[in-house]
C-alpha atoms as a PDB file:
ATOM      1  CA  MET A   1       2.461 -14.551  34.058  1.00  0.00           C
ATOM      2  CA  ARG A   2       4.676 -12.361  36.222  1.00  0.00           C
ATOM      3  CA  THR A   3       8.306 -12.227  35.156  1.00  0.00           C
ATOM      4  CA  PRO A   4      11.166 -12.844  37.615  1.00  0.00           C
ATOM      5  CA  ALA A   5      12.134  -9.178  37.212  1.00  0.00           C
ATOM      6  CA  ALA A   6       8.650  -8.051  38.195  1.00  0.00           C
ATOM      7  CA  LYS A   7       8.663 -10.315  41.237  1.00  0.00           C
ATOM      8  CA  ALA A   8      12.118  -9.067  42.255  1.00  0.00           C
ATOM      9  CA  PHE A   9      10.978  -5.457  41.934  1.00  0.00           C
ATOM     10  CA  ALA A  10       7.889  -6.128  44.051  1.00  0.00           C
ATOM     11  CA  SER A  11       9.972  -7.866  46.692  1.00  0.00           C
ATOM     12  CA  SER A  12      12.404  -4.945  46.819  1.00  0.00           C
ATOM     13  CA  LEU A  13       9.518  -2.568  47.585  1.00  0.00           C
ATOM     14  CA  LEU A  14       7.640  -4.886  49.928  1.00  0.00           C
ATOM     15  CA  PRO A  15       9.873  -7.588  51.447  1.00  0.00           C
ATOM     16  CA  SER A  16       8.157 -10.690  52.788  1.00  0.00           C
ATOM     17  CA  SER A  17       9.433  -9.907  56.284  1.00  0.00           C
ATOM     18  CA  ILE A  18       7.501  -6.636  56.559  1.00  0.00           C
ATOM     19  CA  GLN A  19       5.860  -6.385  59.986  1.00  0.00           C
ATOM     20  CA  PRO A  20       3.888  -4.959  61.547  1.00  0.00           C
ATOM     21  CA  LEU A  21       1.509  -3.402  59.050  1.00  0.00           C
ATOM     22  CA  ARG A  22      -1.458  -2.270  61.076  1.00  0.00           C
ATOM     23  CA  PHE A  23      -4.933  -0.947  60.472  1.00  0.00           C
ATOM     24  CA  ALA A  24      -5.510   2.465  61.944  1.00  0.00           C
ATOM     25  CA  VAL A  25      -8.183   2.350  64.654  1.00  0.00           C
ATOM     26  CA  THR A  26      -9.803   5.616  65.643  1.00  0.00           C
ATOM     27  CA  LYS A  27     -11.068   6.378  69.136  1.00  0.00           C
ATOM     28  CA  GLY A  28     -14.602   6.410  67.802  1.00  0.00           C
ATOM     29  CA  GLU A  29     -14.223   2.970  66.233  1.00  0.00           C
ATOM     30  CA  ASP A  30     -12.683   1.649  69.434  1.00  0.00           C
ATOM     31  CA  ALA A  31     -15.586   3.003  71.503  1.00  0.00           C
ATOM     32  CA  ASP A  32     -18.176   1.574  69.088  1.00  0.00           C
ATOM     33  CA  TYR A  33     -16.447  -1.806  69.183  1.00  0.00           C
ATOM     34  CA  ASP A  34     -16.324  -1.833  72.987  1.00  0.00           C
ATOM     35  CA  ALA A  35     -20.009  -0.966  73.204  1.00  0.00           C
ATOM     36  CA  ALA A  36     -21.010  -3.622  70.655  1.00  0.00           C
ATOM     37  CA  ILE A  37     -18.998  -6.371  72.343  1.00  0.00           C
ATOM     38  CA  SER A  38     -20.287  -5.433  75.792  1.00  0.00           C
ATOM     39  CA  ALA A  39     -23.853  -5.538  74.462  1.00  0.00           C
ATOM     40  CA  LEU A  40     -23.314  -8.979  72.912  1.00  0.00           C
ATOM     41  CA  ILE A  41     -21.966 -10.402  76.167  1.00  0.00           C
ATOM     42  CA  SER A  42     -24.782  -8.813  78.156  1.00  0.00           C
ATOM     43  CA  ASN A  43     -27.448 -10.068  75.740  1.00  0.00           C
ATOM     44  CA  ALA A  44     -26.040 -13.601  75.824  1.00  0.00           C
ATOM     45  CA  ALA A  45     -26.259 -13.561  79.609  1.00  0.00           C
ATOM     46  CA  LYS A  46     -29.831 -12.199  79.534  1.00  0.00           C
ATOM     47  CA  THR A  47     -30.872 -14.870  77.034  1.00  0.00           C
ATOM     48  CA  LEU A  48     -29.458 -17.613  79.206  1.00  0.00           C
ATOM     49  CA  ALA A  49     -30.937 -16.132  82.379  1.00  0.00           C
ATOM     50  CA  ALA A  50     -34.360 -16.081  80.728  1.00  0.00           C
ATOM     51  CA  GLU A  51     -34.021 -19.736  79.707  1.00  0.00           C
ATOM     52  CA  LEU A  52     -33.045 -20.626  83.252  1.00  0.00           C
ATOM     53  CA  GLY A  53     -35.813 -18.548  84.803  1.00  0.00           C
ATOM     54  CA  THR A  54     -33.354 -16.689  87.008  1.00  0.00           C
ATOM     55  CA  ASP A  55     -32.759 -13.023  87.806  1.00  0.00           C
ATOM     56  CA  ALA A  56     -28.997 -13.555  87.841  1.00  0.00           C
ATOM     57  CA  SER A  57     -26.902 -11.083  85.856  1.00  0.00           C
ATOM     58  CA  LEU A  58     -23.265 -10.712  84.968  1.00  0.00           C
ATOM     59  CA  ARG A  59     -20.944  -8.148  86.464  1.00  0.00           C
ATOM     60  CA  ASP A  60     -19.470  -5.540  84.113  1.00  0.00           C
ATOM     61  CA  THR A  61     -16.058  -7.091  84.742  1.00  0.00           C
ATOM     62  CA  VAL A  62     -16.920  -9.967  82.387  1.00  0.00           C
ATOM     63  CA  ALA A  63     -17.060  -7.619  79.398  1.00  0.00           C
ATOM     64  CA  SER A  64     -14.150  -5.492  80.582  1.00  0.00           C
ATOM     65  CA  ARG A  65     -11.914  -8.560  80.944  1.00  0.00           C
ATOM     66  CA  TYR A  66     -12.838  -9.690  77.447  1.00  0.00           C
ATOM     67  CA  LEU A  67     -12.102  -6.267  75.980  1.00  0.00           C
ATOM     68  CA  ARG A  68      -8.854  -5.918  77.890  1.00  0.00           C
ATOM     69  CA  ASP A  69      -7.530  -9.062  76.234  1.00  0.00           C
ATOM     70  CA  ARG A  70      -9.132  -8.586  72.819  1.00  0.00           C
ATOM     71  CA  SER A  71      -9.282  -4.909  71.924  1.00  0.00           C
ATOM     72  CA  LEU A  72     -10.022  -3.832  68.372  1.00  0.00           C
ATOM     73  CA  SER A  73      -6.489  -2.503  67.924  1.00  0.00           C
ATOM     74  CA  LYS A  74      -5.052  -5.937  68.780  1.00  0.00           C
ATOM     75  CA  LEU A  75      -7.390  -7.731  66.387  1.00  0.00           C
ATOM     76  CA  THR A  76      -6.463  -5.484  63.453  1.00  0.00           C
ATOM     77  CA  GLY A  77      -2.745  -6.040  63.845  1.00  0.00           C
ATOM     78  CA  GLY A  78      -0.058  -7.617  61.685  1.00  0.00           C
ATOM     79  CA  ILE A  79      -0.897  -9.027  58.286  1.00  0.00           C
ATOM     80  CA  ASN A  80      -0.186 -12.607  57.276  1.00  0.00           C
ATOM     81  CA  ASP A  81       1.990 -14.067  54.519  1.00  0.00           C
ATOM     82  CA  THR A  82      -0.943 -14.428  52.127  1.00  0.00           C
ATOM     83  CA  THR A  83      -1.655 -10.717  52.291  1.00  0.00           C
ATOM     84  CA  VAL A  84       2.003  -9.822  51.743  1.00  0.00           C
ATOM     85  CA  GLU A  85       1.943 -12.032  48.648  1.00  0.00           C
ATOM     86  CA  ARG A  86      -1.213 -10.332  47.379  1.00  0.00           C
ATOM     87  CA  LEU A  87       0.362  -6.909  47.807  1.00  0.00           C
ATOM     88  CA  GLN A  88       3.566  -8.054  46.152  1.00  0.00           C
ATOM     89  CA  GLY A  89       1.550  -9.484  43.254  1.00  0.00           C
ATOM     90  CA  ALA A  90      -0.269  -6.180  42.738  1.00  0.00           C
ATOM     91  CA  ILE A  91       3.050  -4.319  42.691  1.00  0.00           C
ATOM     92  CA  ALA A  92       4.576  -6.800  40.254  1.00  0.00           C
ATOM     93  CA  ASP A  93       1.577  -6.598  37.904  1.00  0.00           C
ATOM     94  CA  ALA A  94       1.621  -2.807  37.878  1.00  0.00           C
ATOM     95  CA  TRP A  95       5.384  -2.688  37.237  1.00  0.00           C
ATOM     96  CA  GLN A  96       5.227  -5.335  34.517  1.00  0.00           C
ATOM     97  CA  ALA A  97       2.473  -3.372  32.768  1.00  0.00           C
ATOM     98  CA  GLY A  98       4.768  -0.356  32.617  1.00  0.00           C
ATOM     99  CA  GLY A  99       2.931   1.517  35.315  1.00  0.00           C
ATOM    100  CA  THR A 100       4.131   4.765  36.788  1.00  0.00           C
ATOM    101  CA  ALA A 101       4.986   5.257  40.457  1.00  0.00           C
ATOM    102  CA  ASP A 102       1.423   6.497  40.963  1.00  0.00           C
ATOM    103  CA  ASP A 103       0.065   3.334  39.320  1.00  0.00           C
ATOM    104  CA  ILE A 104       2.111   1.193  41.686  1.00  0.00           C
ATOM    105  CA  VAL A 105       0.944   3.158  44.714  1.00  0.00           C
ATOM    106  CA  LYS A 106      -2.663   2.786  43.540  1.00  0.00           C
ATOM    107  CA  ALA A 107      -2.186  -0.981  43.110  1.00  0.00           C
ATOM    108  CA  ILE A 108      -0.970  -1.212  46.700  1.00  0.00           C
ATOM    109  CA  THR A 109      -3.715   0.944  48.204  1.00  0.00           C
ATOM    110  CA  ASP A 110      -6.472  -0.767  46.200  1.00  0.00           C
ATOM    111  CA  THR A 111      -5.286  -4.221  47.237  1.00  0.00           C
ATOM    112  CA  TYR A 112      -4.848  -3.219  50.867  1.00  0.00           C
ATOM    113  CA  ALA A 113      -8.248  -1.522  50.970  1.00  0.00           C
ATOM    114  CA  ASP A 114      -9.836  -4.717  49.693  1.00  0.00           C
ATOM    115  CA  PHE A 115      -7.998  -6.732  52.342  1.00  0.00           C
ATOM    116  CA  SER A 116      -8.919  -4.236  55.074  1.00  0.00           C
ATOM    117  CA  SER A 117     -12.598  -4.566  54.214  1.00  0.00           C
ATOM    118  CA  ALA A 118     -12.433  -8.358  54.268  1.00  0.00           C
ATOM    119  CA  ARG A 119     -10.526  -8.313  57.559  1.00  0.00           C
ATOM    120  CA  ALA A 120     -13.046  -5.966  59.138  1.00  0.00           C
ATOM    121  CA  GLU A 121     -15.892  -8.277  58.118  1.00  0.00           C
ATOM    122  CA  MET A 122     -14.047 -11.278  59.525  1.00  0.00           C
ATOM    123  CA  VAL A 123     -13.333  -9.512  62.819  1.00  0.00           C
ATOM    124  CA  ALA A 124     -16.965  -8.456  63.171  1.00  0.00           C
ATOM    125  CA  GLN A 125     -18.355 -11.948  62.511  1.00  0.00           C
ATOM    126  CA  THR A 126     -15.801 -13.930  64.501  1.00  0.00           C
ATOM    127  CA  GLU A 127     -15.535 -11.568  67.450  1.00  0.00           C
ATOM    128  CA  GLY A 128     -19.283 -11.169  67.668  1.00  0.00           C
ATOM    129  CA  ASN A 129     -19.680 -14.927  68.010  1.00  0.00           C
ATOM    130  CA  ASP A 130     -16.727 -15.118  70.400  1.00  0.00           C
ATOM    131  CA  ALA A 131     -18.186 -12.449  72.641  1.00  0.00           C
ATOM    132  CA  TYR A 132     -21.645 -14.023  72.649  1.00  0.00           C
ATOM    133  CA  ASN A 133     -20.223 -17.415  73.608  1.00  0.00           C
ATOM    134  CA  ALA A 134     -18.088 -15.783  76.294  1.00  0.00           C
ATOM    135  CA  GLY A 135     -21.258 -14.300  77.782  1.00  0.00           C
ATOM    136  CA  LEU A 136     -22.945 -17.696  77.732  1.00  0.00           C
ATOM    137  CA  ARG A 137     -19.960 -19.290  79.439  1.00  0.00           C
ATOM    138  CA  ALA A 138     -19.838 -16.650  82.157  1.00  0.00           C
ATOM    139  CA  MET A 139     -23.533 -17.106  82.899  1.00  0.00           C
ATOM    140  CA  ALA A 140     -23.167 -20.897  82.823  1.00  0.00           C
ATOM    141  CA  ASP A 141     -20.435 -20.574  85.450  1.00  0.00           C
ATOM    142  CA  GLU A 142     -22.709 -18.387  87.565  1.00  0.00           C
ATOM    143  CA  TRP A 143     -25.468 -20.992  87.249  1.00  0.00           C
ATOM    144  CA  GLY A 144     -23.163 -23.867  88.175  1.00  0.00           C
ATOM    145  CA  ALA A 145     -23.178 -25.797  84.884  1.00  0.00           C
ATOM    146  CA  ASP A 146     -20.719 -28.671  84.868  1.00  0.00           C
ATOM    147  CA  GLU A 147     -20.744 -29.883  81.251  1.00  0.00           C
ATOM    148  CA  LYS A 148     -20.673 -28.368  77.783  1.00  0.00           C
ATOM    149  CA  SER A 149     -20.920 -29.475  74.161  1.00  0.00           C
ATOM    150  CA  TRP A 150     -19.900 -27.916  70.851  1.00  0.00           C
ATOM    151  CA  ASP A 151     -22.840 -26.919  68.644  1.00  0.00           C
ATOM    152  CA  GLY A 152     -22.023 -26.710  64.933  1.00  0.00           C
ATOM    153  CA  ASP A 153     -25.554 -25.704  63.938  1.00  0.00           C
ATOM    154  CA  GLY A 154     -25.238 -27.940  60.862  1.00  0.00           C
ATOM    155  CA  GLU A 155     -22.441 -25.919  59.260  1.00  0.00           C
ATOM    156  CA  ALA A 156     -19.297 -26.906  61.150  1.00  0.00           C
ATOM    157  CA  CYS A 157     -16.005 -27.245  59.293  1.00  0.00           C
ATOM    158  CA  GLU A 158     -14.867 -30.855  59.013  1.00  0.00           C
ATOM    159  CA  GLU A 159     -11.241 -30.362  59.991  1.00  0.00           C
ATOM    160  CA  ILE A 160     -11.435 -28.250  63.151  1.00  0.00           C
ATOM    161  CA  CYS A 161     -14.981 -28.109  64.504  1.00  0.00           C
ATOM    162  CA  GLN A 162     -16.435 -31.512  63.648  1.00  0.00           C
ATOM    163  CA  PRO A 163     -14.087 -33.327  66.091  1.00  0.00           C
ATOM    164  CA  ASN A 164     -15.327 -30.916  68.774  1.00  0.00           C
ATOM    165  CA  ILE A 165     -18.924 -31.863  68.003  1.00  0.00           C
ATOM    166  CA  ASP A 166     -18.033 -35.547  67.983  1.00  0.00           C
ATOM    167  CA  ALA A 167     -16.570 -35.191  71.492  1.00  0.00           C
ATOM    168  CA  GLY A 168     -20.120 -34.755  72.827  1.00  0.00           C
ATOM    169  CA  TRP A 169     -20.594 -33.538  76.390  1.00  0.00           C
ATOM    170  CA  ILE A 170     -17.331 -32.832  78.229  1.00  0.00           C
ATOM    171  CA  PRO A 171     -16.508 -31.307  81.654  1.00  0.00           C
ATOM    172  CA  ILE A 172     -16.997 -27.552  81.557  1.00  0.00           C
ATOM    173  CA  ASP A 173     -13.369 -26.755  82.418  1.00  0.00           C
ATOM    174  CA  ASP A 174     -11.889 -29.090  79.783  1.00  0.00           C
ATOM    175  CA  ASN A 175     -10.850 -28.009  76.316  1.00  0.00           C
ATOM    176  CA  PHE A 176     -12.374 -29.438  73.170  1.00  0.00           C
ATOM    177  CA  PRO A 177     -10.142 -31.425  70.760  1.00  0.00           C
ATOM    178  CA  SER A 178      -9.257 -28.193  68.913  1.00  0.00           C
ATOM    179  CA  GLY A 179      -7.768 -26.838  72.140  1.00  0.00           C
ATOM    180  CA  ASP A 180     -10.517 -24.244  72.571  1.00  0.00           C
ATOM    181  CA  SER A 181     -12.641 -23.920  75.701  1.00  0.00           C
ATOM    182  CA  GLU A 182     -15.617 -22.769  73.615  1.00  0.00           C
ATOM    183  CA  PRO A 183     -16.221 -21.359  70.114  1.00  0.00           C
ATOM    184  CA  THR A 184     -14.788 -19.816  68.088  1.00  0.00           C
ATOM    185  CA  ALA A 185     -12.040 -22.147  66.877  1.00  0.00           C
ATOM    186  CA  HIS A 186     -10.975 -20.273  63.735  1.00  0.00           C
ATOM    187  CA  PRO A 187     -11.758 -17.107  61.747  1.00  0.00           C
ATOM    188  CA  ARG A 188     -15.401 -16.993  60.607  1.00  0.00           C
ATOM    189  CA  CYS A 189     -16.317 -19.872  62.908  1.00  0.00           C
ATOM    190  CA  ASP A 190     -20.069 -19.704  63.461  1.00  0.00           C
ATOM    191  CA  CYS A 191     -20.400 -22.503  66.016  1.00  0.00           C
ATOM    192  CA  GLY A 192     -22.140 -22.220  69.368  1.00  0.00           C
ATOM    193  CA  VAL A 193     -21.887 -23.964  72.717  1.00  0.00           C
ATOM    194  CA  ASN A 194     -24.390 -25.754  74.973  1.00  0.00           C
ATOM    195  CA  PHE A 195     -24.156 -26.080  78.749  1.00  0.00           C
ATOM    196  CA  ARG A 196     -25.904 -28.337  81.187  1.00  0.00           C
ATOM    197  CA  LYS A 197     -26.109 -29.247  84.872  1.00  0.00           C
ATOM    198  CA  THR A 198     -27.514 -32.655  85.811  1.00  0.00           C
ATOM    199  CA  ASP A 199     -30.749 -32.999  83.792  1.00  0.00           C
ATOM    200  CA  ALA A 200     -31.114 -29.339  82.844  1.00  0.00           C
ATOM    201  CA  THR A 201     -29.763 -28.257  79.440  1.00  0.00           C
ATOM    202  CA  ILE A 202     -29.152 -24.768  78.153  1.00  0.00           C
ATOM    203  CA  THR A 203     -28.089 -23.802  74.655  1.00  0.00           C
ATOM    204  CA  GLY A 204     -26.492 -20.943  72.819  1.00  0.00           C
ATOM    205  CA  GLU A 205     -29.240 -20.842  70.204  1.00  0.00           C
END
């Protein structure tokens, strides 16, 4: 158990109010991210166009708008309270064990590296799904779809996504109960979206 002294020491080095602590994003990483997201949006549109039997395609502005609002550097921004607590805990443990300054620094960098890896994985999964669904939505708009439904693919979370599924088909410009226009609704959300016009139905599968 961490002693009050250890917790106080950790807090003095890393106060809870610390912000913003950011991941460094290189130009190469930024370019790779932009290319991957653009490809996902383009592929979603091509998939939907093939299902519809149309030669329609999306303008490059669809991807550029998405990237303008959701760049990699924005997504790897400030850390949350849970991460601050994890870093503080690592500092407190190292101090309580009689660690040197180097030991404390190592505890911080090891903990942050672990968090950075987890955050990168979360960004890749969530943003990939976000971008794909954004491409589907853009193509559905081009096609003239007027309704949509939330597709949990059998693995939707009960609290946030299940109410969206239960809502069934809704007007395309309405938000689902979670307040989202289409997936994703939360980090690591793996849901999809279906669109339809009159009797024709198209899916994000």
